[in-house]
Protein backbone atom coordinates (compact mmCIF):
# COMPACT_ATOMS: atom_id res chain seq x y z
CA MET A 1 -0.49 -2.12 31.30
CA MET A 2 1.67 -3.50 28.51
CA PHE A 3 0.82 -2.52 24.97
CA ARG A 4 1.93 -4.78 22.17
CA LEU A 5 2.71 -3.65 18.66
CA VAL A 6 0.13 -5.08 16.25
CA ASN A 7 0.74 -3.23 13.01
CA ALA A 8 3.13 -0.66 11.57
CA GLU A 9 2.86 0.53 7.99
CA TYR A 10 4.30 3.37 5.93
CA ASP A 11 2.82 4.91 2.78
CA SER A 12 5.58 6.47 0.71
CA HIS A 13 3.13 8.44 -1.46
CA THR A 14 1.51 10.32 1.43
CA LYS A 15 4.63 10.06 3.65
CA ARG A 16 2.48 8.89 6.57
CA GLY A 17 2.93 6.08 9.03
CA TYR A 18 0.21 4.07 10.75
CA VAL A 19 1.03 2.32 14.03
CA GLU A 20 -1.40 0.21 16.05
CA PHE A 21 -0.92 -0.92 19.65
CA ARG A 22 -3.25 -3.17 21.68
CA ALA A 23 -3.57 -4.21 25.31
CA ASN A 24 -6.04 -6.07 27.49
CA ASP A 25 -7.57 -4.22 30.41
CA GLY A 26 -8.69 -5.63 33.74
CA ASN A 27 -12.28 -6.18 32.60
CA GLY A 28 -11.32 -8.51 29.77
CA ASP A 29 -11.84 -5.81 27.14
CA GLU A 30 -9.25 -4.77 24.59
CA ILE A 31 -7.73 -1.30 24.27
CA VAL A 32 -6.70 -0.26 20.75
CA ILE A 33 -4.51 2.77 20.12
CA ALA A 34 -3.88 3.85 16.53
CA THR A 35 -1.39 6.56 15.65
CA ILE A 36 -1.18 8.23 12.26
CA LEU A 37 1.84 10.44 11.77
CA SER A 38 3.82 12.09 9.03
CA PHE A 39 7.38 10.89 8.53
CA ARG A 40 10.11 12.32 6.36
CA SER A 41 13.80 11.52 6.39
CA LYS A 42 16.65 13.13 4.49
CA SER A 43 18.68 9.92 4.60
CA LYS A 44 17.89 6.82 2.58
CA LEU A 45 16.38 4.23 4.94
CA SER A 46 15.40 0.62 4.34
CA LYS A 47 11.78 -0.48 4.87
CA GLN A 48 12.75 -2.06 8.19
CA GLU A 49 14.49 1.12 9.36
CA ILE A 50 11.45 3.23 8.38
CA LYS A 51 9.20 0.87 10.34
CA GLN A 52 11.46 1.14 13.41
CA GLU A 53 11.47 4.94 13.17
CA ILE A 54 7.69 5.31 12.86
CA VAL A 55 7.17 2.94 15.82
CA ARG A 56 9.69 4.94 17.86
CA LYS A 57 8.00 8.20 16.89
CA ALA A 58 4.53 6.80 17.74
CA ARG A 59 5.69 5.62 21.18
CA HIS A 60 7.20 9.03 21.86
CA ALA A 61 3.93 10.77 20.85
CA LEU A 62 1.89 8.49 23.11
CA LYS A 63 4.18 9.14 26.08
CA ARG A 64 3.80 12.89 25.54
CA ALA A 65 0.02 12.53 25.30
CA ALA A 66 -0.10 10.54 28.54
CA ALA A 67 2.01 13.14 30.32
CA ALA A 68 -0.29 15.95 29.13
CA THR A 69 -3.33 14.56 30.97
């Protein structure tokens, strides 16, 4: 099953990222996975770099969750 990235946002006030993935399953339904995570960085990153980092962190968290089941 291939998940596609639908949305990735970062709120600098709360220092939280929101990442949304979607995929179609075999029954024609849609699977939606939303990840909310905190993100802090000591280095100065551009908006694009922050987006890449929160997407990377969300993918890593989902892989760990899948391995835990």
